[in-house]
Every structure is written in C-alpha cells, then in structure tokens.
Amino acid sequence: MVKCGTSVGANYRAVCRSRSNNEFISKMQVVLEESDESCYWLEIVEEKGWVDVRALLKEANELTAIFVSSIKTIKNKSNNIKNNNIRKT
C-alpha cells in the first residue's frame, strides 16, 4: 500500500514536468493506475476491518476521479487542436 500510495505523488510530480500533451497523458495514466491500486488496497483493509480507512478511501476515490477528469480534459483539448489543424489544411 505504501508503494502504490507514494507512487501516486512521485508520478504526479513527473506529470507536472511533462513536455507535451502526449507525455502528460501517458504519465497521468500511470498516476491513475497507481491511484486505483491504492483504492483497491484501502478497500481490502476496510473490508477486513483491520483499520477504519473510510476517510482515506473517500479521498483516494476523489483523487482518482480528478485524475480521470484531467486525462479526459487533455485528450479533448488535443483532439480539438488536431481537428482544427486538419480543417486549416
């Protein structure tokens, strides 16, 4: 759980240094994958009743939703730029 949880932050830091939309998307998908894995492990802990992680799970799910939204936004932006460039030619 520590590995995937800390990986989210480390990989998001790499996202902030992306040099292109494609690189942003690629790196953000890694963040999303690690975030989703963190949610998985938190769900396991919650189901087993080992520790009350409801607040952490809620935040992890919210972050996952933000990452999904960010990916969708940049993909739409990239597609709009491509479509505008095609129309100009």
C-alpha atoms as a PDB file:
ATOM      1  CA  MET A   1       0.000   0.000   0.000  1.00  0.00           C
ATOM      2  CA  VAL A   2       2.887   2.338   0.760  1.00  0.00           C
ATOM      3  CA  LYS A   3       4.468   1.674  -2.639  1.00  0.00           C
ATOM      4  CA  CYS A   4       1.398   2.496  -4.713  1.00  0.00           C
ATOM      5  CA  GLY A   5       0.344   5.347  -2.436  1.00  0.00           C
ATOM      6  CA  THR A   6       3.681   7.126  -2.600  1.00  0.00           C
ATOM      7  CA  SER A   7       3.973   6.322  -6.301  1.00  0.00           C
ATOM      8  CA  VAL A   8       0.915   8.492  -6.948  1.00  0.00           C
ATOM      9  CA  GLY A   9       2.731  11.556  -5.633  1.00  0.00           C
ATOM     10  CA  ALA A  10       6.036  10.756  -7.298  1.00  0.00           C
ATOM     11  CA  ASN A  11       4.447  10.123 -10.675  1.00  0.00           C
ATOM     12  CA  TYR A  12       2.225  13.192 -10.402  1.00  0.00           C
ATOM     13  CA  ARG A  13       5.373  15.224  -9.862  1.00  0.00           C
ATOM     14  CA  ALA A  14       6.646  13.819 -13.162  1.00  0.00           C
ATOM     15  CA  VAL A  15       3.339  14.800 -14.802  1.00  0.00           C
ATOM     16  CA  CYS A  16       3.975  18.405 -13.797  1.00  0.00           C
ATOM     17  CA  ARG A  17       7.165  18.302 -15.830  1.00  0.00           C
ATOM     18  CA  SER A  18       5.548  16.925 -18.996  1.00  0.00           C
ATOM     19  CA  ARG A  19       6.821  18.442 -22.224  1.00  0.00           C
ATOM     20  CA  SER A  20       3.831  17.617 -24.409  1.00  0.00           C
ATOM     21  CA  ASN A  21       0.171  16.670 -24.206  1.00  0.00           C
ATOM     22  CA  ASN A  22       1.006  13.085 -25.159  1.00  0.00           C
ATOM     23  CA  GLU A  23       3.623  12.837 -22.425  1.00  0.00           C
ATOM     24  CA  PHE A  24       1.155  14.370 -19.947  1.00  0.00           C
ATOM     25  CA  ILE A  25      -1.482  11.779 -20.857  1.00  0.00           C
ATOM     26  CA  SER A  26       0.964   8.890 -20.652  1.00  0.00           C
ATOM     27  CA  LYS A  27       2.324   9.919 -17.268  1.00  0.00           C
ATOM     28  CA  MET A  28      -1.130  10.770 -15.919  1.00  0.00           C
ATOM     29  CA  GLN A  29      -2.353   7.293 -16.856  1.00  0.00           C
ATOM     30  CA  VAL A  30       0.402   5.862 -14.639  1.00  0.00           C
ATOM     31  CA  VAL A  31      -0.811   8.141 -11.821  1.00  0.00           C
ATOM     32  CA  LEU A  32      -4.365   6.924 -12.394  1.00  0.00           C
ATOM     33  CA  GLU A  33      -3.263   3.293 -12.313  1.00  0.00           C
ATOM     34  CA  GLU A  34      -1.381   3.761  -9.042  1.00  0.00           C
ATOM     35  CA  SER A  35      -4.270   5.728  -7.545  1.00  0.00           C
ATOM     36  CA  ASP A  36      -6.710   2.991  -8.477  1.00  0.00           C
ATOM     37  CA  GLU A  37      -4.411   0.385  -6.945  1.00  0.00           C
ATOM     38  CA  SER A  38      -4.280   2.440  -3.740  1.00  0.00           C
ATOM     39  CA  CYS A  39      -8.095   2.425  -3.682  1.00  0.00           C
ATOM     40  CA  TYR A  40      -8.057  -1.338  -4.111  1.00  0.00           C
ATOM     41  CA  TRP A  41      -5.790  -1.890  -1.116  1.00  0.00           C
ATOM     42  CA  LEU A  42      -7.774   0.542   1.024  1.00  0.00           C
ATOM     43  CA  GLU A  43     -10.946  -1.353   0.103  1.00  0.00           C
ATOM     44  CA  ILE A  44      -9.311  -4.605   1.221  1.00  0.00           C
ATOM     45  CA  VAL A  45      -8.278  -3.060   4.554  1.00  0.00           C
ATOM     46  CA  GLU A  46     -11.791  -1.654   5.027  1.00  0.00           C
ATOM     47  CA  GLU A  47     -13.495  -4.962   4.166  1.00  0.00           C
ATOM     48  CA  LYS A  48     -11.258  -6.859   6.584  1.00  0.00           C
ATOM     49  CA  GLY A  49     -11.984  -4.322   9.311  1.00  0.00           C
ATOM     50  CA  TRP A  50      -8.310  -4.016  10.230  1.00  0.00           C
ATOM     51  CA  VAL A  51      -8.373  -0.225  10.415  1.00  0.00           C
ATOM     52  CA  ASP A  52     -11.006   2.422   9.740  1.00  0.00           C
ATOM     53  CA  VAL A  53      -9.834   3.852   6.416  1.00  0.00           C
ATOM     54  CA  ARG A  54     -13.157   5.262   5.201  1.00  0.00           C
ATOM     55  CA  ALA A  55     -11.854   8.844   5.139  1.00  0.00           C
ATOM     56  CA  LEU A  56      -8.719   7.782   3.274  1.00  0.00           C
ATOM     57  CA  LEU A  57     -10.746   5.711   0.824  1.00  0.00           C
ATOM     58  CA  LYS A  58     -13.082   8.631   0.182  1.00  0.00           C
ATOM     59  CA  GLU A  59     -10.131  10.918  -0.547  1.00  0.00           C
ATOM     60  CA  ALA A  60      -8.438   8.290  -2.722  1.00  0.00           C
ATOM     61  CA  ASN A  61     -11.612   7.907  -4.781  1.00  0.00           C
ATOM     62  CA  GLU A  62     -11.910  11.684  -5.123  1.00  0.00           C
ATOM     63  CA  LEU A  63      -8.306  11.928  -6.316  1.00  0.00           C
ATOM     64  CA  THR A  64      -8.892   9.094  -8.778  1.00  0.00           C
ATOM     65  CA  ALA A  65     -11.904  10.964 -10.175  1.00  0.00           C
ATOM     66  CA  ILE A  66      -9.796  14.126 -10.531  1.00  0.00           C
ATOM     67  CA  PHE A  67      -7.112  12.190 -12.431  1.00  0.00           C
ATOM     68  CA  VAL A  68      -9.723  10.680 -14.771  1.00  0.00           C
ATOM     69  CA  SER A  69     -11.167  14.134 -15.397  1.00  0.00           C
ATOM     70  CA  SER A  70      -7.725  15.583 -16.112  1.00  0.00           C
ATOM     71  CA  ILE A  71      -6.991  12.866 -18.658  1.00  0.00           C
ATOM     72  CA  LYS A  72     -10.347  13.404 -20.380  1.00  0.00           C
ATOM     73  CA  THR A  73      -9.809  17.171 -20.482  1.00  0.00           C
ATOM     74  CA  ILE A  74      -6.358  16.994 -22.062  1.00  0.00           C
ATOM     75  CA  LYS A  75      -7.491  14.325 -24.541  1.00  0.00           C
ATOM     76  CA  ASN A  76     -10.401  16.550 -25.611  1.00  0.00           C
ATOM     77  CA  LYS A  77      -8.063  19.525 -25.892  1.00  0.00           C
ATOM     78  CA  SER A  78      -5.620  17.510 -28.001  1.00  0.00           C
ATOM     79  CA  ASN A  79      -8.405  16.234 -30.254  1.00  0.00           C
ATOM     80  CA  ASN A  80      -9.754  19.760 -30.742  1.00  0.00           C
ATOM     81  CA  ILE A  81      -6.289  21.011 -31.715  1.00  0.00           C
ATOM     82  CA  LYS A  82      -5.879  18.116 -34.186  1.00  0.00           C
ATOM     83  CA  ASN A  83      -9.321  18.747 -35.685  1.00  0.00           C
ATOM     84  CA  ASN A  84      -8.624  22.459 -36.060  1.00  0.00           C
ATOM     85  CA  ASN A  85      -5.305  21.728 -37.761  1.00  0.00           C
ATOM     86  CA  ILE A  86      -6.996  19.304 -40.181  1.00  0.00           C
ATOM     87  CA  ARG A  87      -9.609  21.927 -41.115  1.00  0.00           C
ATOM     88  CA  LYS A  88      -6.908  24.501 -41.821  1.00  0.00           C
ATOM     89  CA  THR A  89      -5.165  22.270 -44.366  1.00  0.00           C
END
